[in-house]
Amino acid sequence: MEDKERQSRNSISDKLEETPIRSKNVFDGVLLDVYVDEVRLPDGSTSTRDWIKHPGASAVVPVFEDGTVMLLKQYRYPPRRIFAEVPAGKLDPGESPETTAKRELTEESGLICSNLVKTGEFYPAIGYADELIHIYAAWGFAEQQQKSDDDEFLITYRIPYSEALRMVREGEIMDGKTICSLIKTWLWWEDNGPFPVAFT
């Protein structure tokens, strides 16, 4: 049975997979690098793929004993608007996703967590980037001074988790990583409960 499943997967891969022929780095940035690749398609023809190389990121859902969740309000320049977000940030060189999650939580919210559990991961932009975002839930907090980046301006606030889900449902939360993180963490709790805080 396993051999048949493996053969089936290999057959699908042969019909869909694209093989890189050559790759050209056209831009090196602080956050990401841009490449233009020539690829061979499954039918033997060739095409060009523009894509972004990203180190990956971690997102954290900070949940408190009263069932509230901490979110951030932050202005995002490309869409020119303020978004409600969970704490998140890219992986530094040599840094594990878990270490990134703890660091970003402290930098953006001033919280140090005693408990951190991975609740999922996802690719936010598969059409043009290799970025993978790791999702964590955090609880059991001590506070220290917030240390956001020099060019980063944030406002933190707490709302009931149920209110955050309502905002997702009604389109008030528009940030993709925050939508996915809130839902994946809620589903993780449903599958693995009881969660150590009272979700409301």
Protein backbone atom coordinates (compact mmCIF):
# COMPACT_ATOMS: atom_id res chain seq x y z
CA MET A 1 0.00 0.00 0.00
CA GLU A 2 2.82 2.43 0.92
CA ASP A 3 4.68 1.63 -2.32
CA LYS A 4 1.57 2.43 -4.37
CA GLU A 5 1.06 5.73 -2.52
CA ARG A 6 4.73 6.62 -3.07
CA GLN A 7 4.47 5.81 -6.77
CA SER A 8 1.33 7.91 -7.02
CA ARG A 9 3.05 10.88 -5.37
CA ASN A 10 6.06 10.50 -7.68
CA SER A 11 3.77 10.36 -10.71
CA ILE A 12 1.99 13.56 -9.66
CA SER A 13 5.33 15.26 -9.00
CA ASP A 14 6.58 14.32 -12.47
CA LYS A 15 3.47 15.90 -14.02
CA LEU A 16 3.66 19.16 -12.03
CA GLU A 17 7.18 19.88 -10.83
CA GLU A 18 9.31 22.62 -12.39
CA THR A 19 13.11 22.16 -12.53
CA PRO A 20 15.43 25.15 -12.08
CA ILE A 21 17.93 25.66 -14.90
CA ARG A 22 19.62 28.88 -13.80
CA SER A 23 19.00 31.55 -11.19
CA LYS A 24 19.92 35.25 -11.13
CA ASN A 25 19.89 37.40 -8.00
CA VAL A 26 18.58 40.80 -9.14
CA PHE A 27 18.11 42.51 -5.76
CA ASP A 28 19.52 42.13 -2.23
CA GLY A 29 17.46 43.84 0.46
CA VAL A 30 17.42 44.05 4.23
CA LEU A 31 14.19 42.04 4.46
CA LEU A 32 14.32 39.90 1.32
CA ASP A 33 16.19 39.03 -1.90
CA VAL A 34 14.68 38.90 -5.39
CA TYR A 35 15.59 36.28 -8.01
CA VAL A 36 14.73 35.64 -11.64
CA ASP A 37 14.96 31.92 -12.50
CA GLU A 38 14.75 30.05 -15.76
CA VAL A 39 12.87 26.77 -15.20
CA ARG A 40 12.04 23.68 -17.19
CA LEU A 41 8.33 22.85 -17.20
CA PRO A 42 6.88 19.32 -17.01
CA ASP A 43 6.29 19.26 -20.79
CA GLY A 44 9.94 20.09 -21.49
CA SER A 45 9.46 23.76 -22.40
CA THR A 46 11.06 26.59 -20.41
CA SER A 47 9.72 29.67 -18.64
CA THR A 48 10.78 32.43 -16.24
CA ARG A 49 9.88 32.71 -12.57
CA ASP A 50 10.33 35.89 -10.53
CA TRP A 51 10.45 35.04 -6.83
CA ILE A 52 11.42 36.35 -3.42
CA LYS A 53 13.79 34.54 -1.08
CA HIS A 54 12.79 35.16 2.53
CA PRO A 55 14.39 33.83 5.76
CA GLY A 56 11.00 32.90 7.24
CA ALA A 57 9.17 34.35 10.21
CA SER A 58 7.42 33.55 13.47
CA ALA A 59 4.06 34.85 14.70
CA VAL A 60 2.87 34.68 18.32
CA VAL A 61 -0.64 34.68 19.78
CA PRO A 62 -0.25 35.94 23.40
CA VAL A 63 -3.17 34.60 25.46
CA PHE A 64 -3.93 35.67 29.03
CA GLU A 65 -5.65 33.86 31.90
CA ASP A 66 -8.81 35.93 31.48
CA GLY A 67 -9.17 34.70 27.89
CA THR A 68 -7.97 37.91 26.26
CA VAL A 69 -5.39 38.09 23.49
CA MET A 70 -2.86 40.86 22.92
CA LEU A 71 -2.79 42.48 19.49
CA LEU A 72 -0.77 45.33 18.02
CA LYS A 73 -1.83 48.29 15.93
CA GLN A 74 0.80 49.17 13.36
CA TYR A 75 0.97 51.30 10.20
CA ARG A 76 2.04 49.32 7.11
CA TYR A 77 3.50 51.42 4.35
CA PRO A 78 2.76 49.34 1.18
CA PRO A 79 -1.08 49.31 1.65
CA ARG A 80 -0.95 52.71 3.44
CA ARG A 81 -3.12 51.77 6.41
CA ILE A 82 -3.12 50.68 10.06
CA PHE A 83 -3.57 46.97 10.79
CA ALA A 84 -4.41 44.88 13.85
CA GLU A 85 -1.72 42.21 14.12
CA VAL A 86 -0.23 39.57 16.37
CA PRO A 87 3.45 40.03 17.31
CA ALA A 88 5.64 38.65 14.53
CA GLY A 89 8.96 39.04 12.78
CA LYS A 90 11.52 37.44 10.51
CA LEU A 91 14.09 34.87 11.59
CA ASP A 92 17.58 36.28 12.16
CA PRO A 93 20.52 34.28 10.71
CA GLY A 94 21.03 31.06 12.67
CA GLU A 95 17.94 31.68 14.80
CA SER A 96 15.32 28.99 15.41
CA PRO A 97 11.62 29.80 14.86
CA GLU A 98 10.96 29.35 18.59
CA THR A 99 13.73 31.78 19.54
CA THR A 100 12.39 34.28 17.02
CA ALA A 101 8.89 33.95 18.49
CA LYS A 102 10.13 34.67 22.02
CA ARG A 103 12.30 37.58 20.86
CA GLU A 104 9.58 39.22 18.78
CA LEU A 105 7.04 38.82 21.58
CA THR A 106 9.33 40.65 23.99
CA GLU A 107 10.43 43.33 21.52
CA GLU A 108 6.94 44.19 20.32
CA SER A 109 4.86 43.71 23.47
CA GLY A 110 7.29 43.83 26.38
CA LEU A 111 6.18 40.33 27.46
CA ILE A 112 8.35 37.37 28.44
CA CYS A 113 6.45 34.08 28.26
CA SER A 114 7.02 31.00 30.39
CA ASN A 115 5.00 28.80 28.01
CA LEU A 116 5.23 28.58 24.22
CA VAL A 117 3.68 25.95 21.96
CA LYS A 118 3.73 25.69 18.18
CA THR A 119 0.20 25.62 16.77
CA GLY A 120 0.93 25.56 13.04
CA GLU A 121 2.78 27.00 10.07
CA PHE A 122 1.86 28.27 6.62
CA TYR A 123 3.21 29.79 3.40
CA PRO A 124 1.63 33.26 3.00
CA ALA A 125 2.63 33.96 -0.62
CA ILE A 126 3.27 30.75 -2.57
CA GLY A 127 2.98 32.45 -5.97
CA TYR A 128 6.08 34.60 -5.53
CA ALA A 129 7.91 33.86 -2.25
CA ASP A 130 9.34 30.95 -0.24
CA GLU A 131 8.51 32.54 3.13
CA LEU A 132 7.28 30.11 5.80
CA ILE A 133 5.60 31.55 8.91
CA HIS A 134 5.67 29.51 12.13
CA ILE A 135 2.75 30.09 14.52
CA TYR A 136 2.99 29.91 18.31
CA ALA A 137 0.67 30.41 21.25
CA ALA A 138 2.20 31.97 24.37
CA TRP A 139 0.99 32.31 27.95
CA GLY A 140 2.30 32.78 31.48
CA PHE A 141 3.84 36.25 31.20
CA ALA A 142 6.29 38.50 32.98
CA GLU A 143 6.68 42.06 31.75
CA GLN A 144 9.73 44.08 30.81
CA GLN A 145 10.28 47.23 28.81
CA GLN A 146 9.11 47.11 25.19
CA LYS A 147 12.09 47.21 22.77
CA SER A 148 10.69 47.61 19.26
CA ASP A 149 12.96 48.56 16.35
CA ASP A 150 13.94 52.23 15.97
CA ASP A 151 11.72 52.62 12.89
CA GLU A 152 8.82 50.61 14.34
CA PHE A 153 5.89 52.34 16.09
CA LEU A 154 3.32 50.11 17.80
CA ILE A 155 0.30 50.29 20.09
CA THR A 156 -0.56 47.15 22.08
CA TYR A 157 -4.03 46.32 23.39
CA ARG A 158 -6.01 43.33 24.70
CA ILE A 159 -9.41 42.04 23.63
CA PRO A 160 -11.35 38.80 24.30
CA TYR A 161 -10.27 35.99 21.98
CA SER A 162 -13.89 35.65 20.86
CA GLU A 163 -13.84 39.32 19.85
CA ALA A 164 -10.67 38.76 17.81
CA LEU A 165 -12.40 35.89 15.98
CA ARG A 166 -15.44 38.09 15.36
CA MET A 167 -13.15 40.72 13.85
CA VAL A 168 -11.66 38.06 11.56
CA ARG A 169 -15.14 36.88 10.54
CA GLU A 170 -16.39 40.38 9.79
CA GLY A 171 -13.28 41.56 7.97
CA GLU A 172 -12.04 43.98 10.60
CA ILE A 173 -8.75 42.09 10.89
CA MET A 174 -7.23 42.08 7.41
CA ASP A 175 -3.63 40.95 8.02
CA GLY A 176 -3.15 37.43 6.65
CA LYS A 177 -0.69 36.13 9.24
CA THR A 178 -2.93 37.39 12.06
CA ILE A 179 -6.03 35.76 10.59
CA CYS A 180 -4.22 32.45 10.12
CA SER A 181 -2.52 32.60 13.54
CA LEU A 182 -5.75 33.28 15.45
CA ILE A 183 -7.67 30.54 13.64
CA LYS A 184 -4.87 27.93 13.73
CA THR A 185 -4.32 28.53 17.44
CA TRP A 186 -8.04 28.24 18.16
CA LEU A 187 -8.23 24.99 16.17
CA TRP A 188 -5.11 23.67 17.91
CA TRP A 189 -6.77 24.30 21.26
CA GLU A 190 -9.92 22.48 20.15
CA ASP A 191 -7.85 19.46 19.06
CA ASN A 192 -5.38 19.40 21.97
CA GLY A 193 -7.28 20.99 24.88
CA PRO A 194 -7.82 21.74 27.59
CA PHE A 195 -5.83 24.91 26.95
CA PRO A 196 -4.23 26.29 30.14
CA VAL A 197 -6.24 29.51 29.97
CA ALA A 198 -9.97 30.18 29.81
CA PHE A 199 -10.76 31.06 26.20
CA THR A 200 -13.88 33.21 25.98
